[in-house]
């Protein structure tokens, strides 16, 4: 063009509008509870911040007593509220048979046994300290608090 500018064609990105994360943790001791909930909250914060930055709504479902609770976040303030609610999660072993639809499953190391390994695996994140990471099924990742979850977040968006 005469003014030196270059015409650019813009198109809307094909980005998932909503991502469902299902948190299914279990623990045997108060120490395991604190560790796993803390790691799960850190993982959801890291993934949630990235998803929100691209305009995706985040829905986090977790056990609360004998039922499931879902918290929705469309901005950082709501994400903080969802993270605070996650701190109240209860063991979800009895709720595993009723898995809701999800785009990302976050488990403790005890919940990996019996996890579906056939077909196209959905993204799964196992939160655990470094000394307690089980053999992971295909498509699952471990999170000890030191990993960057950007690649997993992109996988969730593009599935």
C-alpha atoms as a PDB file:
ATOM      1  CA  UNK A   1       0.000   0.000   0.000  1.00  0.00           C
ATOM      2  CA  UNK A   2       1.060   3.588  -0.563  1.00  0.00           C
ATOM      3  CA  UNK A   3       1.346   4.428   3.154  1.00  0.00           C
ATOM      4  CA  UNK A   4       3.680   1.481   3.738  1.00  0.00           C
ATOM      5  CA  UNK A   5       1.132  -0.574   5.673  1.00  0.00           C
ATOM      6  CA  UNK A   6       0.460  -4.177   4.879  1.00  0.00           C
ATOM      7  CA  UNK A   7      -3.091  -5.528   4.719  1.00  0.00           C
ATOM      8  CA  UNK A   8      -3.680  -8.314   7.237  1.00  0.00           C
ATOM      9  CA  UNK A   9      -6.585 -10.694   7.167  1.00  0.00           C
ATOM     10  CA  UNK A  10      -7.911 -11.484  10.635  1.00  0.00           C
ATOM     11  CA  UNK A  11      -9.940 -14.534  11.525  1.00  0.00           C
ATOM     12  CA  UNK A  12     -11.477 -15.676  14.748  1.00  0.00           C
ATOM     13  CA  UNK A  13      -9.413 -18.318  16.504  1.00  0.00           C
ATOM     14  CA  UNK A  14     -10.994 -21.723  16.897  1.00  0.00           C
ATOM     15  CA  UNK A  15     -10.692 -21.769  20.700  1.00  0.00           C
ATOM     16  CA  UNK A  16     -12.824 -23.872  23.027  1.00  0.00           C
ATOM     17  CA  UNK A  17     -15.281 -21.573  24.805  1.00  0.00           C
ATOM     18  CA  UNK A  18     -15.532 -23.606  28.006  1.00  0.00           C
ATOM     19  CA  UNK A  19     -13.252 -26.130  29.699  1.00  0.00           C
ATOM     20  CA  UNK A  20     -14.459 -28.548  32.361  1.00  0.00           C
ATOM     21  CA  UNK A  21     -11.946 -29.763  34.939  1.00  0.00           C
ATOM     22  CA  UNK A  22     -12.934 -32.633  37.205  1.00  0.00           C
ATOM     23  CA  UNK A  23     -10.981 -32.963  40.430  1.00  0.00           C
ATOM     24  CA  UNK A  24     -11.031 -36.458  41.969  1.00  0.00           C
ATOM     25  CA  UNK A  25      -8.691 -36.654  44.924  1.00  0.00           C
ATOM     26  CA  UNK A  26      -8.319 -39.151  47.706  1.00  0.00           C
ATOM     27  CA  UNK A  27      -6.059 -39.274  50.750  1.00  0.00           C
ATOM     28  CA  UNK A  28      -5.360 -41.325  53.848  1.00  0.00           C
ATOM     29  CA  UNK A  29      -3.772 -38.748  56.163  1.00  0.00           C
ATOM     30  CA  UNK A  30      -4.131 -35.058  56.945  1.00  0.00           C
ATOM     31  CA  UNK A  31      -0.656 -34.537  55.449  1.00  0.00           C
ATOM     32  CA  UNK A  32      -1.700 -36.157  52.146  1.00  0.00           C
ATOM     33  CA  UNK A  33      -4.879 -34.058  52.150  1.00  0.00           C
ATOM     34  CA  UNK A  34      -2.965 -30.800  52.565  1.00  0.00           C
ATOM     35  CA  UNK A  35      -0.350 -31.741  49.969  1.00  0.00           C
ATOM     36  CA  UNK A  36      -2.749 -32.988  47.284  1.00  0.00           C
ATOM     37  CA  UNK A  37      -5.277 -30.193  47.649  1.00  0.00           C
ATOM     38  CA  UNK A  38      -2.461 -27.631  47.558  1.00  0.00           C
ATOM     39  CA  UNK A  39      -0.982 -29.178  44.398  1.00  0.00           C
ATOM     40  CA  UNK A  40      -4.407 -29.406  42.754  1.00  0.00           C
ATOM     41  CA  UNK A  41      -5.115 -25.756  43.551  1.00  0.00           C
ATOM     42  CA  UNK A  42      -1.733 -24.748  42.136  1.00  0.00           C
ATOM     43  CA  UNK A  43      -2.381 -26.747  38.953  1.00  0.00           C
ATOM     44  CA  UNK A  44      -5.881 -25.289  38.495  1.00  0.00           C
ATOM     45  CA  UNK A  45      -4.500 -21.783  39.097  1.00  0.00           C
ATOM     46  CA  UNK A  46      -1.766 -22.237  36.491  1.00  0.00           C
ATOM     47  CA  UNK A  47      -4.067 -23.799  33.893  1.00  0.00           C
ATOM     48  CA  UNK A  48      -6.967 -21.475  34.714  1.00  0.00           C
ATOM     49  CA  UNK A  49      -4.905 -18.303  34.315  1.00  0.00           C
ATOM     50  CA  UNK A  50      -3.795 -19.401  30.855  1.00  0.00           C
ATOM     51  CA  UNK A  51      -7.290 -20.469  29.771  1.00  0.00           C
ATOM     52  CA  UNK A  52      -8.863 -17.242  31.012  1.00  0.00           C
ATOM     53  CA  UNK A  53      -6.228 -15.195  29.170  1.00  0.00           C
ATOM     54  CA  UNK A  54      -7.500 -16.599  25.856  1.00  0.00           C
ATOM     55  CA  UNK A  55     -11.150 -15.980  26.707  1.00  0.00           C
ATOM     56  CA  UNK A  56     -12.122 -19.481  27.802  1.00  0.00           C
ATOM     57  CA  UNK A  57     -14.525 -20.095  30.668  1.00  0.00           C
ATOM     58  CA  UNK A  58     -13.327 -22.543  33.302  1.00  0.00           C
ATOM     59  CA  UNK A  59     -15.627 -24.913  35.202  1.00  0.00           C
ATOM     60  CA  UNK A  60     -14.132 -26.900  38.068  1.00  0.00           C
ATOM     61  CA  UNK A  61     -16.089 -29.809  39.557  1.00  0.00           C
ATOM     62  CA  UNK A  62     -15.043 -31.465  42.806  1.00  0.00           C
ATOM     63  CA  UNK A  63     -16.462 -33.557  45.652  1.00  0.00           C
ATOM     64  CA  UNK A  64     -18.074 -31.723  48.525  1.00  0.00           C
ATOM     65  CA  UNK A  65     -19.452 -34.211  51.006  1.00  0.00           C
ATOM     66  CA  UNK A  66     -21.522 -36.820  49.171  1.00  0.00           C
ATOM     67  CA  UNK A  67     -22.234 -34.614  46.149  1.00  0.00           C
ATOM     68  CA  UNK A  68     -20.407 -32.753  43.409  1.00  0.00           C
ATOM     69  CA  UNK A  69     -19.879 -28.993  43.425  1.00  0.00           C
ATOM     70  CA  UNK A  70     -19.086 -26.940  40.304  1.00  0.00           C
ATOM     71  CA  UNK A  71     -17.469 -23.503  40.348  1.00  0.00           C
ATOM     72  CA  UNK A  72     -17.296 -21.380  37.219  1.00  0.00           C
ATOM     73  CA  UNK A  73     -14.670 -18.750  36.420  1.00  0.00           C
ATOM     74  CA  UNK A  74     -14.750 -16.224  33.588  1.00  0.00           C
ATOM     75  CA  UNK A  75     -12.176 -13.875  35.117  1.00  0.00           C
ATOM     76  CA  UNK A  76      -9.341 -13.894  37.641  1.00  0.00           C
ATOM     77  CA  UNK A  77     -11.539 -12.877  40.586  1.00  0.00           C
ATOM     78  CA  UNK A  78     -13.867 -15.822  39.940  1.00  0.00           C
ATOM     79  CA  UNK A  79     -10.830 -18.093  39.522  1.00  0.00           C
ATOM     80  CA  UNK A  80      -9.654 -17.109  43.009  1.00  0.00           C
ATOM     81  CA  UNK A  81     -13.146 -17.890  44.336  1.00  0.00           C
ATOM     82  CA  UNK A  82     -13.082 -21.303  42.667  1.00  0.00           C
ATOM     83  CA  UNK A  83      -9.650 -22.013  44.154  1.00  0.00           C
ATOM     84  CA  UNK A  84     -10.880 -21.061  47.625  1.00  0.00           C
ATOM     85  CA  UNK A  85     -13.825 -23.444  47.200  1.00  0.00           C
ATOM     86  CA  UNK A  86     -11.421 -26.217  46.123  1.00  0.00           C
ATOM     87  CA  UNK A  87      -9.732 -25.986  49.506  1.00  0.00           C
ATOM     88  CA  UNK A  88     -12.910 -27.523  50.966  1.00  0.00           C
ATOM     89  CA  UNK A  89     -12.907 -30.582  48.696  1.00  0.00           C
ATOM     90  CA  UNK A  90     -13.552 -33.947  50.291  1.00  0.00           C
ATOM     91  CA  UNK A  91     -12.306 -37.391  49.187  1.00  0.00           C
ATOM     92  CA  UNK A  92     -14.055 -38.318  45.950  1.00  0.00           C
ATOM     93  CA  UNK A  93     -13.381 -42.056  45.780  1.00  0.00           C
ATOM     94  CA  UNK A  94     -17.068 -42.889  46.128  1.00  0.00           C
ATOM     95  CA  UNK A  95     -17.938 -40.434  43.332  1.00  0.00           C
ATOM     96  CA  UNK A  96     -15.488 -41.796  40.727  1.00  0.00           C
ATOM     97  CA  UNK A  97     -18.117 -44.069  39.081  1.00  0.00           C
ATOM     98  CA  UNK A  98     -20.212 -40.977  38.270  1.00  0.00           C
ATOM     99  CA  UNK A  99     -17.552 -39.003  36.426  1.00  0.00           C
ATOM    100  CA  UNK A 100     -19.157 -36.012  34.749  1.00  0.00           C
ATOM    101  CA  UNK A 101     -18.154 -34.832  31.292  1.00  0.00           C
ATOM    102  CA  UNK A 102     -14.729 -33.231  31.533  1.00  0.00           C
ATOM    103  CA  UNK A 103     -11.847 -31.938  29.430  1.00  0.00           C
ATOM    104  CA  UNK A 104      -9.202 -32.450  32.116  1.00  0.00           C
ATOM    105  CA  UNK A 105      -9.175 -34.930  34.983  1.00  0.00           C
ATOM    106  CA  UNK A 106      -7.036 -34.169  38.045  1.00  0.00           C
ATOM    107  CA  UNK A 107      -6.361 -37.167  40.289  1.00  0.00           C
ATOM    108  CA  UNK A 108      -4.306 -38.175  43.267  1.00  0.00           C
ATOM    109  CA  UNK A 109      -1.854 -41.065  42.794  1.00  0.00           C
ATOM    110  CA  UNK A 110      -4.283 -43.483  44.482  1.00  0.00           C
ATOM    111  CA  UNK A 111      -6.970 -42.875  41.848  1.00  0.00           C
ATOM    112  CA  UNK A 112      -4.804 -43.873  38.864  1.00  0.00           C
ATOM    113  CA  UNK A 113      -5.435 -47.610  39.284  1.00  0.00           C
ATOM    114  CA  UNK A 114      -8.266 -48.686  37.015  1.00  0.00           C
ATOM    115  CA  UNK A 115      -8.228 -45.465  35.024  1.00  0.00           C
ATOM    116  CA  UNK A 116      -9.553 -45.997  31.495  1.00  0.00           C
ATOM    117  CA  UNK A 117      -6.597 -46.562  29.179  1.00  0.00           C
ATOM    118  CA  UNK A 118      -8.344 -47.549  25.946  1.00  0.00           C
ATOM    119  CA  UNK A 119      -9.385 -45.234  23.144  1.00  0.00           C
ATOM    120  CA  UNK A 120      -8.263 -41.644  22.822  1.00  0.00           C
ATOM    121  CA  UNK A 121      -7.136 -40.586  26.283  1.00  0.00           C
ATOM    122  CA  UNK A 122      -8.433 -37.375  27.760  1.00  0.00           C
ATOM    123  CA  UNK A 123      -5.857 -35.171  29.406  1.00  0.00           C
ATOM    124  CA  UNK A 124      -5.213 -36.393  32.950  1.00  0.00           C
ATOM    125  CA  UNK A 125      -3.019 -34.789  35.580  1.00  0.00           C
ATOM    126  CA  UNK A 126      -1.842 -36.719  38.650  1.00  0.00           C
ATOM    127  CA  UNK A 127      -0.869 -34.495  41.580  1.00  0.00           C
ATOM    128  CA  UNK A 128       1.718 -36.055  43.862  1.00  0.00           C
ATOM    129  CA  UNK A 129       5.009 -35.461  45.588  1.00  0.00           C
ATOM    130  CA  UNK A 130       8.025 -36.748  43.681  1.00  0.00           C
ATOM    131  CA  UNK A 131       8.354 -39.879  45.826  1.00  0.00           C
ATOM    132  CA  UNK A 132       4.817 -41.116  45.162  1.00  0.00           C
ATOM    133  CA  UNK A 133       4.271 -40.886  41.386  1.00  0.00           C
ATOM    134  CA  UNK A 134       2.682 -44.118  40.137  1.00  0.00           C
ATOM    135  CA  UNK A 135       3.068 -45.630  36.679  1.00  0.00           C
ATOM    136  CA  UNK A 136       0.942 -43.341  34.548  1.00  0.00           C
ATOM    137  CA  UNK A 137      -1.379 -44.479  31.764  1.00  0.00           C
ATOM    138  CA  UNK A 138      -0.854 -43.123  28.254  1.00  0.00           C
ATOM    139  CA  UNK A 139      -1.858 -39.457  28.048  1.00  0.00           C
ATOM    140  CA  UNK A 140      -1.486 -38.757  31.772  1.00  0.00           C
ATOM    141  CA  UNK A 141       1.002 -36.289  33.233  1.00  0.00           C
ATOM    142  CA  UNK A 142       2.361 -35.851  36.747  1.00  0.00           C
ATOM    143  CA  UNK A 143       2.386 -32.540  38.631  1.00  0.00           C
ATOM    144  CA  UNK A 144       4.661 -32.122  41.630  1.00  0.00           C
ATOM    145  CA  UNK A 145       4.452 -28.339  41.727  1.00  0.00           C
ATOM    146  CA  UNK A 146       7.532 -27.781  39.590  1.00  0.00           C
ATOM    147  CA  UNK A 147       6.139 -28.393  36.113  1.00  0.00           C
ATOM    148  CA  UNK A 148       4.970 -25.795  33.614  1.00  0.00           C
ATOM    149  CA  UNK A 149       1.452 -26.782  32.557  1.00  0.00           C
ATOM    150  CA  UNK A 150       1.304 -24.605  29.419  1.00  0.00           C
ATOM    151  CA  UNK A 151       1.545 -27.571  27.039  1.00  0.00           C
ATOM    152  CA  UNK A 152      -1.181 -29.445  28.922  1.00  0.00           C
ATOM    153  CA  UNK A 153      -3.383 -26.337  28.844  1.00  0.00           C
ATOM    154  CA  UNK A 154      -2.959 -26.108  25.068  1.00  0.00           C
ATOM    155  CA  UNK A 155      -3.764 -29.812  24.727  1.00  0.00           C
ATOM    156  CA  UNK A 156      -6.981 -29.273  26.685  1.00  0.00           C
ATOM    157  CA  UNK A 157      -7.920 -26.343  24.455  1.00  0.00           C
ATOM    158  CA  UNK A 158      -7.229 -28.245  21.255  1.00  0.00           C
ATOM    159  CA  UNK A 159      -8.795 -31.617  22.031  1.00  0.00           C
END
